[in-house]
ModelCIF file with pLDDT and N, C-alpha, C, O atoms, coordinates in Angstrom:
data_MODEL
#
_entry.id   MODEL 
#
_entity.id                         1 
_entity.type                       polymer 
_entity.pdbx_number_of_molecules   1 
#
_entity_poly.entity_id                      1 
_entity_poly.type                           'polypeptide(L)' 
_entity_poly.nstd_linkage                   no 
_entity_poly.nstd_monomer                   no 
_entity_poly.pdbx_seq_one_letter_code       AQLGTKYTYQTISALKKNFPKTDFLWICGMDNALIFHKWDKWKRV 
_entity_poly.pdbx_seq_one_letter_code_can   AQLGTKYTYQTISALKKNFPKTDFLWICGMDNALIFHKWDKWKRV 
_entity_poly.pdbx_strand_id                 A 
#
loop_
_entity_poly_seq.entity_id 
_entity_poly_seq.num 
_entity_poly_seq.mon_id 
_entity_poly_seq.hetero 
1 1  ALA n 
1 2  GLN n 
1 3  LEU n 
1 4  GLY n 
1 5  THR n 
1 6  LYS n 
1 7  TYR n 
1 8  THR n 
1 9  TYR n 
1 10 GLN n 
1 11 THR n 
1 12 ILE n 
1 13 SER n 
1 14 ALA n 
1 15 LEU n 
1 16 LYS n 
1 17 LYS n 
1 18 ASN n 
1 19 PHE n 
1 20 PRO n 
1 21 LYS n 
1 22 THR n 
1 23 ASP n 
1 24 PHE n 
1 25 LEU n 
1 26 TRP n 
1 27 ILE n 
1 28 CYS n 
1 29 GLY n 
1 30 MET n 
1 31 ASP n 
1 32 ASN n 
1 33 ALA n 
1 34 LEU n 
1 35 ILE n 
1 36 PHE n 
1 37 HIS n 
1 38 LYS n 
1 39 TRP n 
1 40 ASP n 
1 41 LYS n 
1 42 TRP n 
1 43 LYS n 
1 44 ARG n 
1 45 VAL n 
#
_struct_asym.id          A 
_struct_asym.entity_id   1 
#
loop_
_ma_qa_metric.id 
_ma_qa_metric.mode 
_ma_qa_metric.name 
_ma_qa_metric.software_group_id 
_ma_qa_metric.type 
1 global pLDDT . pLDDT 
2 local  pLDDT . pLDDT 
#
_ma_qa_metric_global.metric_id      1 
_ma_qa_metric_global.metric_value   94.38 
_ma_qa_metric_global.model_id       1 
_ma_qa_metric_global.ordinal_id     1 
#
loop_
_ma_qa_metric_local.label_asym_id 
_ma_qa_metric_local.label_comp_id 
_ma_qa_metric_local.label_seq_id 
_ma_qa_metric_local.metric_id 
_ma_qa_metric_local.metric_value 
_ma_qa_metric_local.model_id 
_ma_qa_metric_local.ordinal_id 
A ALA 1  2 93.00 1 1  
A GLN 2  2 95.00 1 2  
A LEU 3  2 95.00 1 3  
A GLY 4  2 94.00 1 4  
A THR 5  2 94.00 1 5  
A LYS 6  2 88.00 1 6  
A TYR 7  2 92.00 1 7  
A THR 8  2 94.00 1 8  
A TYR 9  2 95.00 1 9  
A GLN 10 2 96.00 1 10 
A THR 11 2 96.00 1 11 
A ILE 12 2 97.00 1 12 
A SER 13 2 97.00 1 13 
A ALA 14 2 97.00 1 14 
A LEU 15 2 97.00 1 15 
A LYS 16 2 97.00 1 16 
A LYS 17 2 97.00 1 17 
A ASN 18 2 97.00 1 18 
A PHE 19 2 97.00 1 19 
A PRO 20 2 97.00 1 20 
A LYS 21 2 97.00 1 21 
A THR 22 2 98.00 1 22 
A ASP 23 2 98.00 1 23 
A PHE 24 2 98.00 1 24 
A LEU 25 2 98.00 1 25 
A TRP 26 2 98.00 1 26 
A ILE 27 2 98.00 1 27 
A CYS 28 2 94.00 1 28 
A GLY 29 2 91.00 1 29 
A MET 30 2 89.00 1 30 
A ASP 31 2 87.00 1 31 
A ASN 32 2 90.00 1 32 
A ALA 33 2 91.00 1 33 
A LEU 34 2 89.00 1 34 
A ILE 35 2 90.00 1 35 
A PHE 36 2 93.00 1 36 
A HIS 37 2 92.00 1 37 
A LYS 38 2 90.00 1 38 
A TRP 39 2 92.00 1 39 
A ASP 40 2 92.00 1 40 
A LYS 41 2 95.00 1 41 
A TRP 42 2 95.00 1 42 
A LYS 43 2 95.00 1 43 
A ARG 44 2 96.00 1 44 
A VAL 45 2 96.00 1 45 
#
loop_
_atom_site.group_PDB 
_atom_site.id 
_atom_site.type_symbol 
_atom_site.label_atom_id 
_atom_site.label_alt_id 
_atom_site.label_comp_id 
_atom_site.label_asym_id 
_atom_site.label_entity_id 
_atom_site.label_seq_id 
_atom_site.pdbx_PDB_ins_code 
_atom_site.Cartn_x 
_atom_site.Cartn_y 
_atom_site.Cartn_z 
_atom_site.occupancy 
_atom_site.B_iso_or_equiv 
_atom_site.pdbx_formal_charge 
_atom_site.auth_seq_id 
_atom_site.auth_comp_id 
_atom_site.auth_asym_id 
_atom_site.auth_atom_id 
_atom_site.pdbx_PDB_model_num 
ATOM 1   N N  . ALA A 1 1  ? -4.149  -5.527 -26.069 1.00 93.00 ? 1  ALA A N  1 
ATOM 2   C CA . ALA A 1 1  ? -3.838  -6.201 -27.334 1.00 93.00 ? 1  ALA A CA 1 
ATOM 3   C C  . ALA A 1 1  ? -3.889  -5.197 -28.489 1.00 93.00 ? 1  ALA A C  1 
ATOM 4   O O  . ALA A 1 1  ? -3.067  -5.256 -29.403 1.00 93.00 ? 1  ALA A O  1 
ATOM 5   N N  . GLN A 1 2  ? -4.859  -4.275 -28.446 1.00 95.00 ? 2  GLN A N  1 
ATOM 6   C CA . GLN A 1 2  ? -4.972  -3.268 -29.496 1.00 95.00 ? 2  GLN A CA 1 
ATOM 7   C C  . GLN A 1 2  ? -3.801  -2.290 -29.457 1.00 95.00 ? 2  GLN A C  1 
ATOM 8   O O  . GLN A 1 2  ? -3.305  -1.856 -30.497 1.00 95.00 ? 2  GLN A O  1 
ATOM 9   N N  . LEU A 1 3  ? -3.369  -1.952 -28.246 1.00 95.00 ? 3  LEU A N  1 
ATOM 10  C CA . LEU A 1 3  ? -2.269  -0.999 -28.095 1.00 95.00 ? 3  LEU A CA 1 
ATOM 11  C C  . LEU A 1 3  ? -0.918  -1.624 -28.430 1.00 95.00 ? 3  LEU A C  1 
ATOM 12  O O  . LEU A 1 3  ? 0.015   -0.936 -28.842 1.00 95.00 ? 3  LEU A O  1 
ATOM 13  N N  . GLY A 1 4  ? -0.831  -2.941 -28.245 1.00 94.00 ? 4  GLY A N  1 
ATOM 14  C CA . GLY A 1 4  ? 0.437   -3.615 -28.488 1.00 94.00 ? 4  GLY A CA 1 
ATOM 15  C C  . GLY A 1 4  ? 1.472   -3.338 -27.408 1.00 94.00 ? 4  GLY A C  1 
ATOM 16  O O  . GLY A 1 4  ? 2.675   -3.444 -27.644 1.00 94.00 ? 4  GLY A O  1 
ATOM 17  N N  . THR A 1 5  ? 0.987   -2.979 -26.209 1.00 94.00 ? 5  THR A N  1 
ATOM 18  C CA . THR A 1 5  ? 1.893   -2.670 -25.106 1.00 94.00 ? 5  THR A CA 1 
ATOM 19  C C  . THR A 1 5  ? 2.202   -3.920 -24.286 1.00 94.00 ? 5  THR A C  1 
ATOM 20  O O  . THR A 1 5  ? 1.442   -4.888 -24.286 1.00 94.00 ? 5  THR A O  1 
ATOM 21  N N  . LYS A 1 6  ? 3.328   -3.876 -23.593 1.00 88.00 ? 6  LYS A N  1 
ATOM 22  C CA . LYS A 1 6  ? 3.784   -5.022 -22.816 1.00 88.00 ? 6  LYS A CA 1 
ATOM 23  C C  . LYS A 1 6  ? 3.816   -4.721 -21.322 1.00 88.00 ? 6  LYS A C  1 
ATOM 24  O O  . LYS A 1 6  ? 3.553   -5.594 -20.496 1.00 88.00 ? 6  LYS A O  1 
ATOM 25  N N  . TYR A 1 7  ? 4.144   -3.470 -20.987 1.00 92.00 ? 7  TYR A N  1 
ATOM 26  C CA . TYR A 1 7  ? 4.282   -3.089 -19.590 1.00 92.00 ? 7  TYR A CA 1 
ATOM 27  C C  . TYR A 1 7  ? 3.188   -2.103 -19.187 1.00 92.00 ? 7  TYR A C  1 
ATOM 28  O O  . TYR A 1 7  ? 2.662   -1.366 -20.021 1.00 92.00 ? 7  TYR A O  1 
ATOM 29  N N  . THR A 1 8  ? 2.851   -2.101 -17.885 1.00 94.00 ? 8  THR A N  1 
ATOM 30  C CA . THR A 1 8  ? 1.807   -1.216 -17.384 1.00 94.00 ? 8  THR A CA 1 
ATOM 31  C C  . THR A 1 8  ? 2.115   0.238  -17.690 1.00 94.00 ? 8  THR A C  1 
ATOM 32  O O  . THR A 1 8  ? 1.220   1.004  -18.046 1.00 94.00 ? 8  THR A O  1 
ATOM 33  N N  . TYR A 1 9  ? 3.372   0.620  -17.553 1.00 95.00 ? 9  TYR A N  1 
ATOM 34  C CA . TYR A 1 9  ? 3.768   1.999  -17.854 1.00 95.00 ? 9  TYR A CA 1 
ATOM 35  C C  . TYR A 1 9  ? 3.391   2.369  -19.284 1.00 95.00 ? 9  TYR A C  1 
ATOM 36  O O  . TYR A 1 9  ? 2.869   3.455  -19.531 1.00 95.00 ? 9  TYR A O  1 
ATOM 37  N N  . GLN A 1 10 ? 3.652   1.478  -20.212 1.00 96.00 ? 10 GLN A N  1 
ATOM 38  C CA . GLN A 1 10 ? 3.325   1.732  -21.609 1.00 96.00 ? 10 GLN A CA 1 
ATOM 39  C C  . GLN A 1 10 ? 1.812   1.815  -21.816 1.00 96.00 ? 10 GLN A C  1 
ATOM 40  O O  . GLN A 1 10 ? 1.318   2.673  -22.547 1.00 96.00 ? 10 GLN A O  1 
ATOM 41  N N  . THR A 1 11 ? 1.092   0.911  -21.163 1.00 96.00 ? 11 THR A N  1 
ATOM 42  C CA . THR A 1 11 ? -0.365  0.885  -21.304 1.00 96.00 ? 11 THR A CA 1 
ATOM 43  C C  . THR A 1 11 ? -0.988  2.157  -20.762 1.00 96.00 ? 11 THR A C  1 
ATOM 44  O O  . THR A 1 11 ? -1.849  2.752  -21.410 1.00 96.00 ? 11 THR A O  1 
ATOM 45  N N  . ILE A 1 12 ? -0.558  2.584  -19.572 1.00 97.00 ? 12 ILE A N  1 
ATOM 46  C CA . ILE A 1 12 ? -1.090  3.805  -18.977 1.00 97.00 ? 12 ILE A CA 1 
ATOM 47  C C  . ILE A 1 12 ? -0.787  5.016  -19.854 1.00 97.00 ? 12 ILE A C  1 
ATOM 48  O O  . ILE A 1 12 ? -1.656  5.857  -20.084 1.00 97.00 ? 12 ILE A O  1 
ATOM 49  N N  . SER A 1 13 ? 0.439   5.099  -20.337 1.00 97.00 ? 13 SER A N  1 
ATOM 50  C CA . SER A 1 13 ? 0.827   6.223  -21.202 1.00 97.00 ? 13 SER A CA 1 
ATOM 51  C C  . SER A 1 13 ? -0.061  6.290  -22.441 1.00 97.00 ? 13 SER A C  1 
ATOM 52  O O  . SER A 1 13 ? -0.519  7.364  -22.832 1.00 97.00 ? 13 SER A O  1 
ATOM 53  N N  . ALA A 1 14 ? -0.298  5.137  -23.047 1.00 97.00 ? 14 ALA A N  1 
ATOM 54  C CA . ALA A 1 14 ? -1.102  5.084  -24.265 1.00 97.00 ? 14 ALA A CA 1 
ATOM 55  C C  . ALA A 1 14 ? -2.568  5.406  -23.990 1.00 97.00 ? 14 ALA A C  1 
ATOM 56  O O  . ALA A 1 14 ? -3.214  6.084  -24.789 1.00 97.00 ? 14 ALA A O  1 
ATOM 57  N N  . LEU A 1 15 ? -3.095  4.927  -22.866 1.00 97.00 ? 15 LEU A N  1 
ATOM 58  C CA . LEU A 1 15 ? -4.502  5.197  -22.541 1.00 97.00 ? 15 LEU A CA 1 
ATOM 59  C C  . LEU A 1 15 ? -4.721  6.680  -22.253 1.00 97.00 ? 15 LEU A C  1 
ATOM 60  O O  . LEU A 1 15 ? -5.719  7.258  -22.682 1.00 97.00 ? 15 LEU A O  1 
ATOM 61  N N  . LYS A 1 16 ? -3.794  7.289  -21.534 1.00 97.00 ? 16 LYS A N  1 
ATOM 62  C CA . LYS A 1 16 ? -3.929  8.718  -21.245 1.00 97.00 ? 16 LYS A CA 1 
ATOM 63  C C  . LYS A 1 16 ? -3.837  9.552  -22.526 1.00 97.00 ? 16 LYS A C  1 
ATOM 64  O O  . LYS A 1 16 ? -4.470  10.602 -22.636 1.00 97.00 ? 16 LYS A O  1 
ATOM 65  N N  . LYS A 1 17 ? -3.062  9.087  -23.471 1.00 97.00 ? 17 LYS A N  1 
ATOM 66  C CA . LYS A 1 17 ? -2.932  9.786  -24.749 1.00 97.00 ? 17 LYS A CA 1 
ATOM 67  C C  . LYS A 1 17 ? -4.192  9.620  -25.591 1.00 97.00 ? 17 LYS A C  1 
ATOM 68  O O  . LYS A 1 17 ? -4.651  10.568 -26.229 1.00 97.00 ? 17 LYS A O  1 
ATOM 69  N N  . ASN A 1 18 ? -4.747  8.413  -25.590 1.00 97.00 ? 18 ASN A N  1 
ATOM 70  C CA . ASN A 1 18 ? -5.909  8.122  -26.430 1.00 97.00 ? 18 ASN A CA 1 
ATOM 71  C C  . ASN A 1 18 ? -7.228  8.557  -25.804 1.00 97.00 ? 18 ASN A C  1 
ATOM 72  O O  . ASN A 1 18 ? -8.210  8.772  -26.515 1.00 97.00 ? 18 ASN A O  1 
ATOM 73  N N  . PHE A 1 19 ? -7.259  8.689  -24.473 1.00 97.00 ? 19 PHE A N  1 
ATOM 74  C CA . PHE A 1 19 ? -8.474  9.103  -23.768 1.00 97.00 ? 19 PHE A CA 1 
ATOM 75  C C  . PHE A 1 19 ? -8.134  10.304 -22.869 1.00 97.00 ? 19 PHE A C  1 
ATOM 76  O O  . PHE A 1 19 ? -8.204  10.198 -21.645 1.00 97.00 ? 19 PHE A O  1 
ATOM 77  N N  . PRO A 1 20 ? -7.772  11.431 -23.467 1.00 97.00 ? 20 PRO A N  1 
ATOM 78  C CA . PRO A 1 20 ? -7.255  12.569 -22.698 1.00 97.00 ? 20 PRO A CA 1 
ATOM 79  C C  . PRO A 1 20 ? -8.259  13.229 -21.758 1.00 97.00 ? 20 PRO A C  1 
ATOM 80  O O  . PRO A 1 20 ? -7.856  13.922 -20.824 1.00 97.00 ? 20 PRO A O  1 
ATOM 81  N N  . LYS A 1 21 ? -9.548  13.030 -21.983 1.00 97.00 ? 21 LYS A N  1 
ATOM 82  C CA . LYS A 1 21 ? -10.571 13.680 -21.159 1.00 97.00 ? 21 LYS A CA 1 
ATOM 83  C C  . LYS A 1 21 ? -11.262 12.691 -20.209 1.00 97.00 ? 21 LYS A C  1 
ATOM 84  O O  . LYS A 1 21 ? -12.353 12.955 -19.705 1.00 97.00 ? 21 LYS A O  1 
ATOM 85  N N  . THR A 1 22 ? -10.612 11.565 -19.980 1.00 98.00 ? 22 THR A N  1 
ATOM 86  C CA . THR A 1 22 ? -11.137 10.551 -19.060 1.00 98.00 ? 22 THR A CA 1 
ATOM 87  C C  . THR A 1 22 ? -10.221 10.463 -17.852 1.00 98.00 ? 22 THR A C  1 
ATOM 88  O O  . THR A 1 22 ? -8.998  10.504 -17.988 1.00 98.00 ? 22 THR A O  1 
ATOM 89  N N  . ASP A 1 23 ? -10.816 10.341 -16.667 1.00 98.00 ? 23 ASP A N  1 
ATOM 90  C CA . ASP A 1 23 ? -10.043 10.195 -15.434 1.00 98.00 ? 23 ASP A CA 1 
ATOM 91  C C  . ASP A 1 23 ? -9.934  8.719  -15.083 1.00 98.00 ? 23 ASP A C  1 
ATOM 92  O O  . ASP A 1 23 ? -10.940 8.012  -15.018 1.00 98.00 ? 23 ASP A O  1 
ATOM 93  N N  . PHE A 1 24 ? -8.701  8.255  -14.855 1.00 98.00 ? 24 PHE A N  1 
ATOM 94  C CA . PHE A 1 24 ? -8.457  6.836  -14.618 1.00 98.00 ? 24 PHE A CA 1 
ATOM 95  C C  . PHE A 1 24 ? -7.943  6.560  -13.207 1.00 98.00 ? 24 PHE A C  1 
ATOM 96  O O  . PHE A 1 24 ? -7.310  7.405  -12.575 1.00 98.00 ? 24 PHE A O  1 
ATOM 97  N N  . LEU A 1 25 ? -8.234  5.363  -12.741 1.00 98.00 ? 25 LEU A N  1 
ATOM 98  C CA . LEU A 1 25 ? -7.695  4.828  -11.484 1.00 98.00 ? 25 LEU A CA 1 
ATOM 99  C C  . LEU A 1 25 ? -7.228  3.405  -11.758 1.00 98.00 ? 25 LEU A C  1 
ATOM 100 O O  . LEU A 1 25 ? -7.991  2.597  -12.288 1.00 98.00 ? 25 LEU A O  1 
ATOM 101 N N  . TRP A 1 26 ? -5.978  3.085  -11.403 1.00 98.00 ? 26 TRP A N  1 
ATOM 102 C CA . TRP A 1 26 ? -5.476  1.719  -11.579 1.00 98.00 ? 26 TRP A CA 1 
ATOM 103 C C  . TRP A 1 26 ? -5.826  0.908  -10.331 1.00 98.00 ? 26 TRP A C  1 
ATOM 104 O O  . TRP A 1 26 ? -5.608  1.360  -9.207  1.00 98.00 ? 26 TRP A O  1 
ATOM 105 N N  . ILE A 1 27 ? -6.368  -0.286 -10.540 1.00 98.00 ? 27 ILE A N  1 
ATOM 106 C CA . ILE A 1 27 ? -6.845  -1.140 -9.449  1.00 98.00 ? 27 ILE A CA 1 
ATOM 107 C C  . ILE A 1 27 ? -5.957  -2.366 -9.331  1.00 98.00 ? 27 ILE A C  1 
ATOM 108 O O  . ILE A 1 27 ? -5.680  -3.036 -10.326 1.00 98.00 ? 27 ILE A O  1 
ATOM 109 N N  . CYS A 1 28 ? -5.507  -2.663 -8.106  1.00 94.00 ? 28 CYS A N  1 
ATOM 110 C CA . CYS A 1 28 ? -4.648  -3.823 -7.864  1.00 94.00 ? 28 CYS A CA 1 
ATOM 111 C C  . CYS A 1 28 ? -5.089  -4.579 -6.613  1.00 94.00 ? 28 CYS A C  1 
ATOM 112 O O  . CYS A 1 28 ? -5.674  -4.004 -5.695  1.00 94.00 ? 28 CYS A O  1 
ATOM 113 N N  . GLY A 1 29 ? -4.801  -5.853 -6.597  1.00 91.00 ? 29 GLY A N  1 
ATOM 114 C CA . GLY A 1 29 ? -4.920  -6.619 -5.368  1.00 91.00 ? 29 GLY A CA 1 
ATOM 115 C C  . GLY A 1 29 ? -3.699  -6.324 -4.503  1.00 91.00 ? 29 GLY A C  1 
ATOM 116 O O  . GLY A 1 29 ? -2.660  -5.903 -5.011  1.00 91.00 ? 29 GLY A O  1 
ATOM 117 N N  . MET A 1 30 ? -3.825  -6.545 -3.202  1.00 89.00 ? 30 MET A N  1 
ATOM 118 C CA . MET A 1 30 ? -2.739  -6.206 -2.288  1.00 89.00 ? 30 MET A CA 1 
ATOM 119 C C  . MET A 1 30 ? -1.462  -6.993 -2.580  1.00 89.00 ? 30 MET A C  1 
ATOM 120 O O  . MET A 1 30 ? -0.364  -6.515 -2.298  1.00 89.00 ? 30 MET A O  1 
ATOM 121 N N  . ASP A 1 31 ? -1.598  -8.192 -3.140  1.00 87.00 ? 31 ASP A N  1 
ATOM 122 C CA . ASP A 1 31 ? -0.405  -8.989 -3.432  1.00 87.00 ? 31 ASP A CA 1 
ATOM 123 C C  . ASP A 1 31 ? 0.528   -8.274 -4.405  1.00 87.00 ? 31 ASP A C  1 
ATOM 124 O O  . ASP A 1 31 ? 1.740   -8.492 -4.388  1.00 87.00 ? 31 ASP A O  1 
ATOM 125 N N  . ASN A 1 32 ? -0.037  -7.424 -5.247  1.00 90.00 ? 32 ASN A N  1 
ATOM 126 C CA . ASN A 1 32 ? 0.800   -6.692 -6.205  1.00 90.00 ? 32 ASN A CA 1 
ATOM 127 C C  . ASN A 1 32 ? 1.675   -5.642 -5.535  1.00 90.00 ? 32 ASN A C  1 
ATOM 128 O O  . ASN A 1 32 ? 2.702   -5.246 -6.086  1.00 90.00 ? 32 ASN A O  1 
ATOM 129 N N  . ALA A 1 33 ? 1.273   -5.185 -4.342  1.00 91.00 ? 33 ALA A N  1 
ATOM 130 C CA . ALA A 1 33 ? 2.080   -4.192 -3.637  1.00 91.00 ? 33 ALA A CA 1 
ATOM 131 C C  . ALA A 1 33 ? 3.452   -4.753 -3.289  1.00 91.00 ? 33 ALA A C  1 
ATOM 132 O O  . ALA A 1 33 ? 4.438   -4.017 -3.260  1.00 91.00 ? 33 ALA A O  1 
ATOM 133 N N  . LEU A 1 34 ? 3.516   -6.050 -3.027  1.00 89.00 ? 34 LEU A N  1 
ATOM 134 C CA . LEU A 1 34 ? 4.775   -6.684 -2.632  1.00 89.00 ? 34 LEU A CA 1 
ATOM 135 C C  . LEU A 1 34 ? 5.779   -6.752 -3.776  1.00 89.00 ? 34 LEU A C  1 
ATOM 136 O O  . LEU A 1 34 ? 6.987   -6.803 -3.542  1.00 89.00 ? 34 LEU A O  1 
ATOM 137 N N  . ILE A 1 35 ? 5.286   -6.753 -5.005  1.00 90.00 ? 35 ILE A N  1 
ATOM 138 C CA . ILE A 1 35 ? 6.176   -6.884 -6.167  1.00 90.00 ? 35 ILE A CA 1 
ATOM 139 C C  . ILE A 1 35 ? 6.136   -5.649 -7.059  1.00 90.00 ? 35 ILE A C  1 
ATOM 140 O O  . ILE A 1 35 ? 6.738   -5.643 -8.133  1.00 90.00 ? 35 ILE A O  1 
ATOM 141 N N  . PHE A 1 36 ? 5.442   -4.614 -6.631  1.00 93.00 ? 36 PHE A N  1 
ATOM 142 C CA . PHE A 1 36 ? 5.251   -3.445 -7.484  1.00 93.00 ? 36 PHE A CA 1 
ATOM 143 C C  . PHE A 1 36 ? 6.578   -2.811 -7.889  1.00 93.00 ? 36 PHE A C  1 
ATOM 144 O O  . PHE A 1 36 ? 6.706   -2.276 -8.991  1.00 93.00 ? 36 PHE A O  1 
ATOM 145 N N  . HIS A 1 37 ? 7.561   -2.871 -6.998  1.00 92.00 ? 37 HIS A N  1 
ATOM 146 C CA . HIS A 1 37 ? 8.869   -2.275 -7.304  1.00 92.00 ? 37 HIS A CA 1 
ATOM 147 C C  . HIS A 1 37 ? 9.616   -3.042 -8.396  1.00 92.00 ? 37 HIS A C  1 
ATOM 148 O O  . HIS A 1 37 ? 10.668  -2.599 -8.856  1.00 92.00 ? 37 HIS A O  1 
ATOM 149 N N  . LYS A 1 38 ? 9.077   -4.185 -8.810  1.00 90.00 ? 38 LYS A N  1 
ATOM 150 C CA . LYS A 1 38 ? 9.675   -4.948 -9.907  1.00 90.00 ? 38 LYS A CA 1 
ATOM 151 C C  . LYS A 1 38 ? 9.055   -4.574 -11.256 1.00 90.00 ? 38 LYS A C  1 
ATOM 152 O O  . LYS A 1 38 ? 9.549   -4.979 -12.309 1.00 90.00 ? 38 LYS A O  1 
ATOM 153 N N  . TRP A 1 39 ? 7.982   -3.807 -11.214 1.00 92.00 ? 39 TRP A N  1 
ATOM 154 C CA . TRP A 1 39 ? 7.339   -3.393 -12.453 1.00 92.00 ? 39 TRP A CA 1 
ATOM 155 C C  . TRP A 1 39 ? 8.240   -2.407 -13.200 1.00 92.00 ? 39 TRP A C  1 
ATOM 156 O O  . TRP A 1 39 ? 8.991   -1.652 -12.582 1.00 92.00 ? 39 TRP A O  1 
ATOM 157 N N  . ASP A 1 40 ? 8.160   -2.420 -14.505 1.00 92.00 ? 40 ASP A N  1 
ATOM 158 C CA . ASP A 1 40 ? 8.944   -1.506 -15.319 1.00 92.00 ? 40 ASP A CA 1 
ATOM 159 C C  . ASP A 1 40 ? 8.524   -0.061 -15.029 1.00 92.00 ? 40 ASP A C  1 
ATOM 160 O O  . ASP A 1 40 ? 7.341   0.273  -15.099 1.00 92.00 ? 40 ASP A O  1 
ATOM 161 N N  . LYS A 1 41 ? 9.506   0.796  -14.702 1.00 95.00 ? 41 LYS A N  1 
ATOM 162 C CA . LYS A 1 41 ? 9.274   2.213  -14.427 1.00 95.00 ? 41 LYS A CA 1 
ATOM 163 C C  . LYS A 1 41 ? 8.165   2.398  -13.388 1.00 95.00 ? 41 LYS A C  1 
ATOM 164 O O  . LYS A 1 41 ? 7.266   3.218  -13.571 1.00 95.00 ? 41 LYS A O  1 
ATOM 165 N N  . TRP A 1 42 ? 8.237   1.636  -12.304 1.00 95.00 ? 42 TRP A N  1 
ATOM 166 C CA . TRP A 1 42 ? 7.154   1.619  -11.322 1.00 95.00 ? 42 TRP A CA 1 
ATOM 167 C C  . TRP A 1 42 ? 6.921   2.967  -10.653 1.00 95.00 ? 42 TRP A C  1 
ATOM 168 O O  . TRP A 1 42 ? 5.777   3.318  -10.364 1.00 95.00 ? 42 TRP A O  1 
ATOM 169 N N  . LYS A 1 43 ? 7.977   3.723  -10.402 1.00 95.00 ? 43 LYS A N  1 
ATOM 170 C CA . LYS A 1 43 ? 7.804   5.042  -9.782  1.00 95.00 ? 43 LYS A CA 1 
ATOM 171 C C  . LYS A 1 43 ? 7.111   5.999  -10.749 1.00 95.00 ? 43 LYS A C  1 
ATOM 172 O O  . LYS A 1 43 ? 6.306   6.837  -10.342 1.00 95.00 ? 43 LYS A O  1 
ATOM 173 N N  . ARG A 1 44 ? 7.431   5.864  -12.012 1.00 96.00 ? 44 ARG A N  1 
ATOM 174 C CA . ARG A 1 44 ? 6.776   6.714  -13.022 1.00 96.00 ? 44 ARG A CA 1 
ATOM 175 C C  . ARG A 1 44 ? 5.290   6.375  -13.117 1.00 96.00 ? 44 ARG A C  1 
ATOM 176 O O  . ARG A 1 44 ? 4.458   7.265  -13.299 1.00 96.00 ? 44 ARG A O  1 
ATOM 177 N N  . VAL A 1 45 ? 4.957   5.089  -12.995 1.00 96.00 ? 45 VAL A N  1 
ATOM 178 C CA . VAL A 1 45 ? 3.551   4.672  -13.003 1.00 96.00 ? 45 VAL A CA 1 
ATOM 179 C C  . VAL A 1 45 ? 2.778   5.397  -11.906 1.00 96.00 ? 45 VAL A C  1 
ATOM 180 O O  . VAL A 1 45 ? 1.576   5.181  -11.751 1.00 96.00 ? 45 VAL A O  1 
#
């Protein structure tokens, strides 16, 4: 909400920019694997 982002790609990009010295891991349930290719810029994510 603070970032004003809509897609995961945008959120990840913004978090890496704002927290450059923090190491991140994105966590998903397995059900998301079935639809992950529908995410915006999923390969870039």
